PDB file of N, CA and C in Angstrom:
ATOM      1  N   MET A   1     -18.040   6.438  -9.533  1.00  0.00           N
ATOM      2  CA  MET A   1     -16.894   5.648  -9.109  1.00  0.00           C
ATOM      3  C   MET A   1     -16.559   4.624 -10.194  1.00  0.00           C
ATOM      4  N   ASP A   2     -15.290   4.489 -10.487  1.00  0.00           N
ATOM      5  CA  ASP A   2     -14.817   3.590 -11.526  1.00  0.00           C
ATOM      6  C   ASP A   2     -14.563   2.213 -10.912  1.00  0.00           C
ATOM      7  N   PRO A   3     -15.318   1.187 -11.324  1.00  0.00           N
ATOM      8  CA  PRO A   3     -15.160  -0.138 -10.726  1.00  0.00           C
ATOM      9  C   PRO A   3     -13.864  -0.834 -11.127  1.00  0.00           C
ATOM     10  N   TYR A   4     -13.133  -0.267 -12.057  1.00  0.00           N
ATOM     11  CA  TYR A   4     -11.890  -0.876 -12.525  1.00  0.00           C
ATOM     12  C   TYR A   4     -10.660  -0.309 -11.818  1.00  0.00           C
ATOM     13  N   ILE A   5     -10.848   0.758 -11.063  1.00  0.00           N
ATOM     14  CA  ILE A   5      -9.740   1.457 -10.402  1.00  0.00           C
ATOM     15  C   ILE A   5      -9.764   1.206  -8.903  1.00  0.00           C
ATOM     16  N   ASP A   6      -8.597   0.886  -8.354  1.00  0.00           N
ATOM     17  CA  ASP A   6      -8.469   0.741  -6.902  1.00  0.00           C
ATOM     18  C   ASP A   6      -8.567   2.142  -6.294  1.00  0.00           C
ATOM     19  N   PRO A   7      -9.528   2.385  -5.401  1.00  0.00           N
ATOM     20  CA  PRO A   7      -9.708   3.735  -4.855  1.00  0.00           C
ATOM     21  C   PRO A   7      -8.527   4.225  -4.011  1.00  0.00           C
ATOM     22  N   HIS A   8      -7.721   3.314  -3.503  1.00  0.00           N
ATOM     23  CA  HIS A   8      -6.587   3.711  -2.665  1.00  0.00           C
ATOM     24  C   HIS A   8      -5.356   4.056  -3.496  1.00  0.00           C
ATOM     25  N   THR A   9      -5.097   3.265  -4.546  1.00  0.00           N
ATOM     26  CA  THR A   9      -3.885   3.479  -5.343  1.00  0.00           C
ATOM     27  C   THR A   9      -4.148   4.264  -6.624  1.00  0.00           C
ATOM     28  N   LYS A  10      -5.419   4.343  -7.037  1.00  0.00           N
ATOM     29  CA  LYS A  10      -5.814   4.998  -8.296  1.00  0.00           C
ATOM     30  C   LYS A  10      -5.235   4.272  -9.514  1.00  0.00           C
ATOM     31  N   VAL A  11      -4.946   2.976  -9.358  1.00  0.00           N
ATOM     32  CA  VAL A  11      -4.384   2.130 -10.417  1.00  0.00           C
ATOM     33  C   VAL A  11      -5.426   1.072 -10.766  1.00  0.00           C
ATOM     34  N   LEU A  12      -5.435   0.624 -12.024  1.00  0.00           N
ATOM     35  CA  LEU A  12      -6.351  -0.439 -12.416  1.00  0.00           C
ATOM     36  C   LEU A  12      -6.213  -1.640 -11.493  1.00  0.00           C
ATOM     37  N   ILE A  13      -7.316  -2.173 -11.039  1.00  0.00           N
ATOM     38  CA  ILE A  13      -7.305  -3.367 -10.201  1.00  0.00           C
ATOM     39  C   ILE A  13      -6.778  -4.515 -11.048  1.00  0.00           C
ATOM     40  N   ASN A  14      -5.804  -5.232 -10.504  1.00  0.00           N
ATOM     41  CA  ASN A  14      -5.166  -6.280 -11.283  1.00  0.00           C
ATOM     42  C   ASN A  14      -4.875  -7.497 -10.417  1.00  0.00           C
ATOM     43  N   LYS A  15      -4.723  -8.638 -11.067  1.00  0.00           N
ATOM     44  CA  LYS A  15      -4.523  -9.905 -10.371  1.00  0.00           C
ATOM     45  C   LYS A  15      -3.167  -9.993  -9.670  1.00  0.00           C
ATOM     46  N   LEU A  16      -2.214  -9.186 -10.083  1.00  0.00           N
ATOM     47  CA  LEU A  16      -0.875  -9.220  -9.490  1.00  0.00           C
ATOM     48  C   LEU A  16      -0.722  -8.231  -8.344  1.00  0.00           C
ATOM     49  N   ASN A  17      -1.801  -7.540  -8.012  1.00  0.00           N
ATOM     50  CA  ASN A  17      -1.799  -6.551  -6.932  1.00  0.00           C
ATOM     51  C   ASN A  17      -0.723  -5.485  -7.102  1.00  0.00           C
ATOM     52  N   ILE A  18      -0.489  -5.088  -8.330  1.00  0.00           N
ATOM     53  CA  ILE A  18       0.464  -4.020  -8.613  1.00  0.00           C
ATOM     54  C   ILE A  18      -0.208  -2.697  -8.269  1.00  0.00           C
ATOM     55  N   SER A  19       0.470  -1.892  -7.458  1.00  0.00           N
ATOM     56  CA  SER A  19      -0.131  -0.640  -7.008  1.00  0.00           C
ATOM     57  C   SER A  19       0.543   0.594  -7.598  1.00  0.00           C
ATOM     58  N   ASP A  20       1.621   0.403  -8.330  1.00  0.00           N
ATOM     59  CA  ASP A  20       2.316   1.514  -8.973  1.00  0.00           C
ATOM     60  C   ASP A  20       1.942   1.551 -10.449  1.00  0.00           C
ATOM     61  N   GLU A  21       1.459   2.689 -10.917  1.00  0.00           N
ATOM     62  CA  GLU A  21       0.958   2.798 -12.282  1.00  0.00           C
ATOM     63  C   GLU A  21       2.023   2.461 -13.328  1.00  0.00           C
ATOM     64  N   GLN A  22       3.232   2.967 -13.152  1.00  0.00           N
ATOM     65  CA  GLN A  22       4.286   2.694 -14.138  1.00  0.00           C
ATOM     66  C   GLN A  22       4.666   1.216 -14.145  1.00  0.00           C
ATOM     67  N   ASP A  23       4.697   0.590 -12.975  1.00  0.00           N
ATOM     68  CA  ASP A  23       4.964  -0.854 -12.919  1.00  0.00           C
ATOM     69  C   ASP A  23       3.879  -1.630 -13.667  1.00  0.00           C
ATOM     70  N   LEU A  24       2.629  -1.216 -13.481  1.00  0.00           N
ATOM     71  CA  LEU A  24       1.530  -1.892 -14.161  1.00  0.00           C
ATOM     72  C   LEU A  24       1.638  -1.707 -15.673  1.00  0.00           C
ATOM     73  N   ILE A  25       1.971  -0.515 -16.115  1.00  0.00           N
ATOM     74  CA  ILE A  25       2.150  -0.256 -17.548  1.00  0.00           C
ATOM     75  C   ILE A  25       3.242  -1.161 -18.116  1.00  0.00           C
ATOM     76  N   ASN A  26       4.348  -1.289 -17.394  1.00  0.00           N
ATOM     77  CA  ASN A  26       5.461  -2.119 -17.865  1.00  0.00           C
ATOM     78  C   ASN A  26       5.083  -3.599 -17.943  1.00  0.00           C
ATOM     79  N   ILE A  27       4.421  -4.104 -16.909  1.00  0.00           N
ATOM     80  CA  ILE A  27       4.001  -5.514 -16.902  1.00  0.00           C
ATOM     81  C   ILE A  27       2.956  -5.758 -17.986  1.00  0.00           C
ATOM     82  N   GLU A  28       2.019  -4.846 -18.129  1.00  0.00           N
ATOM     83  CA  GLU A  28       0.992  -4.993 -19.165  1.00  0.00           C
ATOM     84  C   GLU A  28       1.641  -5.055 -20.549  1.00  0.00           C
ATOM     85  N   ALA A  29       2.626  -4.200 -20.788  1.00  0.00           N
ATOM     86  CA  ALA A  29       3.315  -4.190 -22.085  1.00  0.00           C
ATOM     87  C   ALA A  29       4.047  -5.513 -22.321  1.00  0.00           C
ATOM     88  N   GLN A  30       4.698  -6.029 -21.297  1.00  0.00           N
ATOM     89  CA  GLN A  30       5.414  -7.302 -21.435  1.00  0.00           C
ATOM     90  C   GLN A  30       4.451  -8.449 -21.731  1.00  0.00           C
ATOM     91  N   LEU A  31       3.334  -8.491 -21.018  1.00  0.00           N
ATOM     92  CA  LEU A  31       2.347  -9.546 -21.255  1.00  0.00           C
ATOM     93  C   LEU A  31       1.715  -9.407 -22.637  1.00  0.00           C
ATOM     94  N   LEU A  32       1.477  -8.175 -23.052  1.00  0.00           N
ATOM     95  CA  LEU A  32       0.896  -7.940 -24.375  1.00  0.00           C
ATOM     96  C   LEU A  32       1.843  -8.421 -25.477  1.00  0.00           C
ATOM     97  N   ILE A  33       3.105  -8.077 -25.373  1.00  0.00           N
ATOM     98  CA  ILE A  33       4.085  -8.510 -26.377  1.00  0.00           C
ATOM     99  C   ILE A  33       4.174 -10.022 -26.420  1.00  0.00           C
ATOM    100  N   ALA A  34       4.252 -10.646 -25.248  1.00  0.00           N
ATOM    101  CA  ALA A  34       4.319 -12.111 -25.197  1.00  0.00           C
ATOM    102  C   ALA A  34       3.057 -12.729 -25.793  1.00  0.00           C
ATOM    103  N   GLY A  35       1.918 -12.142 -25.506  1.00  0.00           N
ATOM    104  CA  GLY A  35       0.657 -12.657 -26.031  1.00  0.00           C
ATOM    105  C   GLY A  35       0.560 -12.522 -27.540  1.00  0.00           C
ATOM    106  N   ILE A  36       1.015 -11.402 -28.064  1.00  0.00           N
ATOM    107  CA  ILE A  36       0.971 -11.194 -29.510  1.00  0.00           C
ATOM    108  C   ILE A  36       1.894 -12.182 -30.222  1.00  0.00           C
ATOM    109  N   ILE A  37       3.056 -12.410 -29.645  1.00  0.00           N
ATOM    110  CA  ILE A  37       4.001 -13.359 -30.246  1.00  0.00           C
ATOM    111  C   ILE A  37       3.393 -14.752 -30.315  1.00  0.00           C
ATOM    112  N   ASP A  38       2.594 -15.102 -29.325  1.00  0.00           N
ATOM    113  CA  ASP A  38       2.060 -16.466 -29.207  1.00  0.00           C
ATOM    114  C   ASP A  38       0.582 -16.564 -29.600  1.00  0.00           C
ATOM    115  N   ILE A  39       0.009 -15.524 -30.156  1.00  0.00           N
ATOM    116  CA  ILE A  39      -1.436 -15.493 -30.385  1.00  0.00           C
ATOM    117  C   ILE A  39      -1.906 -16.528 -31.404  1.00  0.00           C
ATOM    118  N   ASP A  40      -1.047 -16.956 -32.294  1.00  0.00           N
ATOM    119  CA  ASP A  40      -1.482 -17.900 -33.323  1.00  0.00           C
ATOM    120  C   ASP A  40      -2.014 -19.201 -32.743  1.00  0.00           C
ATOM    121  N   ARG A  41      -1.635 -19.528 -31.516  1.00  0.00           N
ATOM    122  CA  ARG A  41      -2.164 -20.745 -30.872  1.00  0.00           C
ATOM    123  C   ARG A  41      -3.645 -20.622 -30.546  1.00  0.00           C
ATOM    124  N   ASN A  42      -4.177 -19.407 -30.475  1.00  0.00           N
ATOM    125  CA  ASN A  42      -5.578 -19.204 -30.130  1.00  0.00           C
ATOM    126  C   ASN A  42      -6.439 -18.727 -31.287  1.00  0.00           C
ATOM    127  N   LEU A  43      -5.847 -18.518 -32.416  1.00  0.00           N
ATOM    128  CA  LEU A  43      -6.624 -17.996 -33.539  1.00  0.00           C
ATOM    129  C   LEU A  43      -7.656 -18.992 -34.060  1.00  0.00           C
ATOM    130  N   HIS A  44      -7.483 -20.274 -33.773  1.00  0.00           N
ATOM    131  CA  HIS A  44      -8.472 -21.261 -34.219  1.00  0.00           C
ATOM    132  C   HIS A  44      -9.821 -21.045 -33.550  1.00  0.00           C
ATOM    133  N   ASP A  45      -9.854 -20.360 -32.396  1.00  0.00           N
ATOM    134  CA  ASP A  45     -11.100 -20.069 -31.683  1.00  0.00           C
ATOM    135  C   ASP A  45     -11.747 -18.766 -32.141  1.00  0.00           C
ATOM    136  N   VAL A  46     -11.092 -18.052 -33.036  1.00  0.00           N
ATOM    137  CA  VAL A  46     -11.537 -16.714 -33.391  1.00  0.00           C
ATOM    138  C   VAL A  46     -12.151 -16.700 -34.789  1.00  0.00           C
ATOM    139  N   ASP A  47     -13.353 -16.184 -34.862  1.00  0.00           N
ATOM    140  CA  ASP A  47     -14.030 -15.939 -36.132  1.00  0.00           C
ATOM    141  C   ASP A  47     -14.060 -14.422 -36.294  1.00  0.00           C
ATOM    142  N   PHE A  48     -13.229 -13.907 -37.169  1.00  0.00           N
ATOM    143  CA  PHE A  48     -13.094 -12.456 -37.291  1.00  0.00           C
ATOM    144  C   PHE A  48     -14.341 -11.781 -37.844  1.00  0.00           C
ATOM    145  N   LEU A  49     -15.313 -12.551 -38.274  1.00  0.00           N
ATOM    146  CA  LEU A  49     -16.581 -11.982 -38.712  1.00  0.00           C
ATOM    147  C   LEU A  49     -17.582 -11.899 -37.567  1.00  0.00           C
ATOM    148  N   ASP A  50     -17.218 -12.419 -36.410  1.00  0.00           N
ATOM    149  CA  ASP A  50     -18.089 -12.450 -35.239  1.00  0.00           C
ATOM    150  C   ASP A  50     -17.597 -11.422 -34.219  1.00  0.00           C
ATOM    151  N   PHE A  51     -18.489 -10.553 -33.780  1.00  0.00           N
ATOM    152  CA  PHE A  51     -18.140  -9.477 -32.862  1.00  0.00           C
ATOM    153  C   PHE A  51     -17.499  -9.980 -31.566  1.00  0.00           C
ATOM    154  N   LYS A  52     -17.896 -11.142 -31.084  1.00  0.00           N
ATOM    155  CA  LYS A  52     -17.354 -11.639 -29.812  1.00  0.00           C
ATOM    156  C   LYS A  52     -15.877 -12.020 -29.902  1.00  0.00           C
ATOM    157  N   SER A  53     -15.329 -12.046 -31.109  1.00  0.00           N
ATOM    158  CA  SER A  53     -13.903 -12.327 -31.265  1.00  0.00           C
ATOM    159  C   SER A  53     -13.040 -11.295 -30.546  1.00  0.00           C
ATOM    160  N   ILE A  54     -13.529 -10.058 -30.480  1.00  0.00           N
ATOM    161  CA  ILE A  54     -12.802  -9.017 -29.755  1.00  0.00           C
ATOM    162  C   ILE A  54     -12.621  -9.444 -28.297  1.00  0.00           C
ATOM    163  N   SER A  55     -13.664  -9.989 -27.697  1.00  0.00           N
ATOM    164  CA  SER A  55     -13.595 -10.443 -26.308  1.00  0.00           C
ATOM    165  C   SER A  55     -12.606 -11.588 -26.140  1.00  0.00           C
ATOM    166  N   ILE A  56     -12.620 -12.523 -27.082  1.00  0.00           N
ATOM    167  CA  ILE A  56     -11.714 -13.675 -27.008  1.00  0.00           C
ATOM    168  C   ILE A  56     -10.265 -13.216 -27.061  1.00  0.00           C
ATOM    169  N   ILE A  57      -9.960 -12.323 -27.991  1.00  0.00           N
ATOM    170  CA  ILE A  57      -8.587 -11.830 -28.137  1.00  0.00           C
ATOM    171  C   ILE A  57      -8.178 -11.030 -26.906  1.00  0.00           C
ATOM    172  N   TYR A  58      -9.040 -10.149 -26.441  1.00  0.00           N
ATOM    173  CA  TYR A  58      -8.709  -9.322 -25.277  1.00  0.00           C
ATOM    174  C   TYR A  58      -8.480 -10.187 -24.035  1.00  0.00           C
ATOM    175  N   LYS A  59      -9.326 -11.190 -23.838  1.00  0.00           N
ATOM    176  CA  LYS A  59      -9.158 -12.079 -22.689  1.00  0.00           C
ATOM    177  C   LYS A  59      -7.829 -12.837 -22.783  1.00  0.00           C
ATOM    178  N   TYR A  60      -7.492 -13.282 -23.983  1.00  0.00           N
ATOM    179  CA  TYR A  60      -6.221 -13.980 -24.172  1.00  0.00           C
ATOM    180  C   TYR A  60      -5.039 -13.063 -23.854  1.00  0.00           C
ATOM    181  N   LEU A  61      -5.079 -11.833 -24.350  1.00  0.00           N
ATOM    182  CA  LEU A  61      -3.945 -10.928 -24.181  1.00  0.00           C
ATOM    183  C   LEU A  61      -3.823 -10.365 -22.766  1.00  0.00           C
ATOM    184  N   PHE A  62      -4.946 -10.135 -22.089  1.00  0.00           N
ATOM    185  CA  PHE A  62      -4.899  -9.450 -20.793  1.00  0.00           C
ATOM    186  C   PHE A  62      -5.461 -10.255 -19.625  1.00  0.00           C
ATOM    187  N   GLY A  63      -5.902 -11.479 -19.872  1.00  0.00           N
ATOM    188  CA  GLY A  63      -6.546 -12.285 -18.836  1.00  0.00           C
ATOM    189  C   GLY A  63      -5.669 -12.639 -17.653  1.00  0.00           C
ATOM    190  N   GLU A  64      -4.366 -12.711 -17.863  1.00  0.00           N
ATOM    191  CA  GLU A  64      -3.461 -13.004 -16.742  1.00  0.00           C
ATOM    192  C   GLU A  64      -3.352 -11.835 -15.784  1.00  0.00           C
ATOM    193  N   LEU A  65      -3.703 -10.649 -16.267  1.00  0.00           N
ATOM    194  CA  LEU A  65      -3.519  -9.446 -15.464  1.00  0.00           C
ATOM    195  C   LEU A  65      -4.830  -8.889 -14.905  1.00  0.00           C
ATOM    196  N   TYR A  66      -5.911  -8.988 -15.676  1.00  0.00           N
ATOM    197  CA  TYR A  66      -7.179  -8.390 -15.259  1.00  0.00           C
ATOM    198  C   TYR A  66      -8.287  -9.436 -15.244  1.00  0.00           C
ATOM    199  N   SER A  67      -9.014  -9.516 -14.138  1.00  0.00           N
ATOM    200  CA  SER A  67     -10.110 -10.482 -14.031  1.00  0.00           C
ATOM    201  C   SER A  67     -11.245 -10.145 -14.987  1.00  0.00           C
ATOM    202  N   TRP A  68     -11.370  -8.900 -15.375  1.00  0.00           N
ATOM    203  CA  TRP A  68     -12.442  -8.455 -16.254  1.00  0.00           C
ATOM    204  C   TRP A  68     -12.033  -8.442 -17.717  1.00  0.00           C
ATOM    205  N   ALA A  69     -10.851  -8.933 -18.035  1.00  0.00           N
ATOM    206  CA  ALA A  69     -10.398  -8.951 -19.433  1.00  0.00           C
ATOM    207  C   ALA A  69     -11.370  -9.769 -20.281  1.00  0.00           C
ATOM    208  N   GLY A  70     -11.745  -9.229 -21.409  1.00  0.00           N
ATOM    209  CA  GLY A  70     -12.675  -9.906 -22.305  1.00  0.00           C
ATOM    210  C   GLY A  70     -14.119  -9.518 -22.094  1.00  0.00           C
ATOM    211  N   GLU A  71     -14.394  -8.781 -21.039  1.00  0.00           N
ATOM    212  CA  GLU A  71     -15.759  -8.294 -20.800  1.00  0.00           C
ATOM    213  C   GLU A  71     -15.865  -6.879 -21.350  1.00  0.00           C
ATOM    214  N   PHE A  72     -17.050  -6.516 -21.820  1.00  0.00           N
ATOM    215  CA  PHE A  72     -17.241  -5.153 -22.295  1.00  0.00           C
ATOM    216  C   PHE A  72     -17.407  -4.224 -21.111  1.00  0.00           C
ATOM    217  N   ARG A  73     -16.873  -3.023 -21.236  1.00  0.00           N
ATOM    218  CA  ARG A  73     -16.886  -2.090 -20.111  1.00  0.00           C
ATOM    219  C   ARG A  73     -18.304  -1.645 -19.766  1.00  0.00           C
ATOM    220  N   THR A  74     -18.449  -1.273 -18.528  1.00  0.00           N
ATOM    221  CA  THR A  74     -19.762  -0.891 -18.017  1.00  0.00           C
ATOM    222  C   THR A  74     -19.861   0.605 -17.730  1.00  0.00           C
ATOM    223  N   ILE A  75     -18.759   1.324 -17.936  1.00  0.00           N
ATOM    224  CA  ILE A  75     -18.728   2.766 -17.709  1.00  0.00           C
ATOM    225  C   ILE A  75     -18.002   3.430 -18.880  1.00  0.00           C
ATOM    226  N   ASN A  76     -18.131   4.727 -18.982  1.00  0.00           N
ATOM    227  CA  ASN A  76     -17.357   5.474 -19.970  1.00  0.00           C
ATOM    228  C   ASN A  76     -15.945   5.666 -19.442  1.00  0.00           C
ATOM    229  N   ILE A  77     -14.989   5.733 -20.354  1.00  0.00           N
ATOM    230  CA  ILE A  77     -13.606   5.882 -19.919  1.00  0.00           C
ATOM    231  C   ILE A  77     -12.970   7.120 -20.524  1.00  0.00           C
ATOM    232  N   TYR A  78     -11.975   7.610 -19.820  1.00  0.00           N
ATOM    233  CA  TYR A  78     -11.138   8.722 -20.250  1.00  0.00           C
ATOM    234  C   TYR A  78      -9.731   8.331 -19.866  1.00  0.00           C
ATOM    235  N   LYS A  79      -8.826   8.364 -20.812  1.00  0.00           N
ATOM    236  CA  LYS A  79      -7.457   7.940 -20.541  1.00  0.00           C
ATOM    237  C   LYS A  79      -6.496   9.011 -21.021  1.00  0.00           C
ATOM    238  N   ASN A  80      -5.746   9.590 -20.079  1.00  0.00           N
ATOM    239  CA  ASN A  80      -4.757  10.606 -20.433  1.00  0.00           C
ATOM    240  C   ASN A  80      -3.679   9.971 -21.308  1.00  0.00           C
ATOM    241  N   GLU A  81      -3.420  10.578 -22.454  1.00  0.00           N
ATOM    242  CA  GLU A  81      -2.419  10.069 -23.387  1.00  0.00           C
ATOM    243  C   GLU A  81      -1.274  11.071 -23.502  1.00  0.00           C
ATOM    244  N   LYS A  82      -0.042  10.600 -23.259  1.00  0.00           N
ATOM    245  CA  LYS A  82       1.122  11.477 -23.359  1.00  0.00           C
ATOM    246  C   LYS A  82       1.232  12.097 -24.745  1.00  0.00           C
ATOM    247  N   VAL A  83       0.979  11.283 -25.772  1.00  0.00           N
ATOM    248  CA  VAL A  83       1.127  11.776 -27.148  1.00  0.00           C
ATOM    249  C   VAL A  83       0.065  12.821 -27.505  1.00  0.00           C
ATOM    250  N   LEU A  84      -0.954  12.936 -26.691  1.00  0.00           N
ATOM    251  CA  LEU A  84      -2.001  13.941 -26.902  1.00  0.00           C
ATOM    252  C   LEU A  84      -1.924  15.044 -25.850  1.00  0.00           C
ATOM    253  N   ASN A  85      -0.759  15.217 -25.241  1.00  0.00           N
ATOM    254  CA  ASN A  85      -0.546  16.227 -24.197  1.00  0.00           C
ATOM    255  C   ASN A  85      -1.523  16.089 -23.043  1.00  0.00           C
ATOM    256  N   GLY A  86      -1.795  14.844 -22.638  1.00  0.00           N
ATOM    257  CA  GLY A  86      -2.656  14.592 -21.492  1.00  0.00           C
ATOM    258  C   GLY A  86      -4.130  14.477 -21.812  1.00  0.00           C
ATOM    259  N   LEU A  87      -4.512  14.704 -23.061  1.00  0.00           N
ATOM    260  CA  LEU A  87      -5.914  14.558 -23.451  1.00  0.00           C
ATOM    261  C   LEU A  87      -6.213  13.085 -23.724  1.00  0.00           C
ATOM    262  N   SER A  88      -7.464  12.781 -23.894  1.00  0.00           N
ATOM    263  CA  SER A  88      -7.895  11.420 -24.190  1.00  0.00           C
ATOM    264  C   SER A  88      -8.460  11.366 -25.601  1.00  0.00           C
ATOM    265  N   ILE A  89      -8.349  10.194 -26.218  1.00  0.00           N
ATOM    266  CA  ILE A  89      -9.095  10.014 -27.457  1.00  0.00           C
ATOM    267  C   ILE A  89     -10.563   9.885 -27.070  1.00  0.00           C
ATOM    268  N   ASN A  90     -11.440  10.050 -28.018  1.00  0.00           N
ATOM    269  CA  ASN A  90     -12.867   9.914 -27.747  1.00  0.00           C
ATOM    270  C   ASN A  90     -13.263   8.450 -27.875  1.00  0.00           C
ATOM    271  N   TYR A  91     -13.620   7.854 -26.767  1.00  0.00           N
ATOM    272  CA  TYR A  91     -14.080   6.474 -26.749  1.00  0.00           C
ATOM    273  C   TYR A  91     -15.592   6.447 -26.936  1.00  0.00           C
ATOM    274  N   SER A  92     -16.089   5.378 -27.507  1.00  0.00           N
ATOM    275  CA  SER A  92     -17.523   5.203 -27.665  1.00  0.00           C
ATOM    276  C   SER A  92     -18.191   5.152 -26.291  1.00  0.00           C
ATOM    277  N   HIS A  93     -19.397   5.676 -26.214  1.00  0.00           N
ATOM    278  CA  HIS A  93     -20.172   5.577 -24.980  1.00  0.00           C
ATOM    279  C   HIS A  93     -20.397   4.097 -24.681  1.00  0.00           C
ATOM    280  N   HIS A  94     -20.265   3.703 -23.432  1.00  0.00           N
ATOM    281  CA  HIS A  94     -20.352   2.288 -23.065  1.00  0.00           C
ATOM    282  C   HIS A  94     -21.672   1.646 -23.483  1.00  0.00           C
ATOM    283  N   SER A  95     -22.743   2.422 -23.547  1.00  0.00           N
ATOM    284  CA  SER A  95     -24.034   1.862 -23.926  1.00  0.00           C
ATOM    285  C   SER A  95     -24.127   1.574 -25.423  1.00  0.00           C
ATOM    286  N   ASN A  96     -23.193   2.100 -26.207  1.00  0.00           N
ATOM    287  CA  ASN A  96     -23.183   1.864 -27.646  1.00  0.00           C
ATOM    288  C   ASN A  96     -22.355   0.642 -28.043  1.00  0.00           C
ATOM    289  N   ILE A  97     -21.726   0.007 -27.080  1.00  0.00           N
ATOM    290  CA  ILE A  97     -20.919  -1.171 -27.367  1.00  0.00           C
ATOM    291  C   ILE A  97     -21.826  -2.380 -27.423  1.00  0.00           C
ATOM    292  N   GLN A  98     -21.681  -3.151 -28.466  1.00  0.00           N
ATOM    293  CA  GLN A  98     -22.537  -4.330 -28.657  1.00  0.00           C
ATOM    294  C   GLN A  98     -22.283  -5.338 -27.542  1.00  0.00           C
ATOM    295  N   LYS A  99     -23.335  -5.827 -26.948  1.00  0.00           N
ATOM    296  CA  LYS A  99     -23.220  -6.842 -25.910  1.00  0.00           C
ATOM    297  C   LYS A  99     -23.359  -8.227 -26.536  1.00  0.00           C
ATOM    298  N   ILE A 100     -22.629  -9.193 -25.963  1.00  0.00           N
ATOM    299  CA  ILE A 100     -22.721 -10.561 -26.495  1.00  0.00           C
ATOM    300  C   ILE A 100     -23.370 -11.459 -25.496  1.00  0.00           C
TER     301      ILE A 100
END
């Protein structure tokens, strides 16, 4: 069972209680664009030589939408990609991700 997916809607669990996948994709894209435009305000907290910087950036970009933003995943993921005809890229096994 995927702890990030709502079992009823099959959509990522999110703080806005969005239950439609396309709506969630659209809101996520809008928040991501806004976050990227404004990211320079948070770069003072980021040391790009430190692995935990990935968590800081991810939490900043997605924290308004996902309570788990900035945490490393605890399961393996597979994500259907339209540009790959429904296949997924190969993600690293969750146990190979460095923990902070």
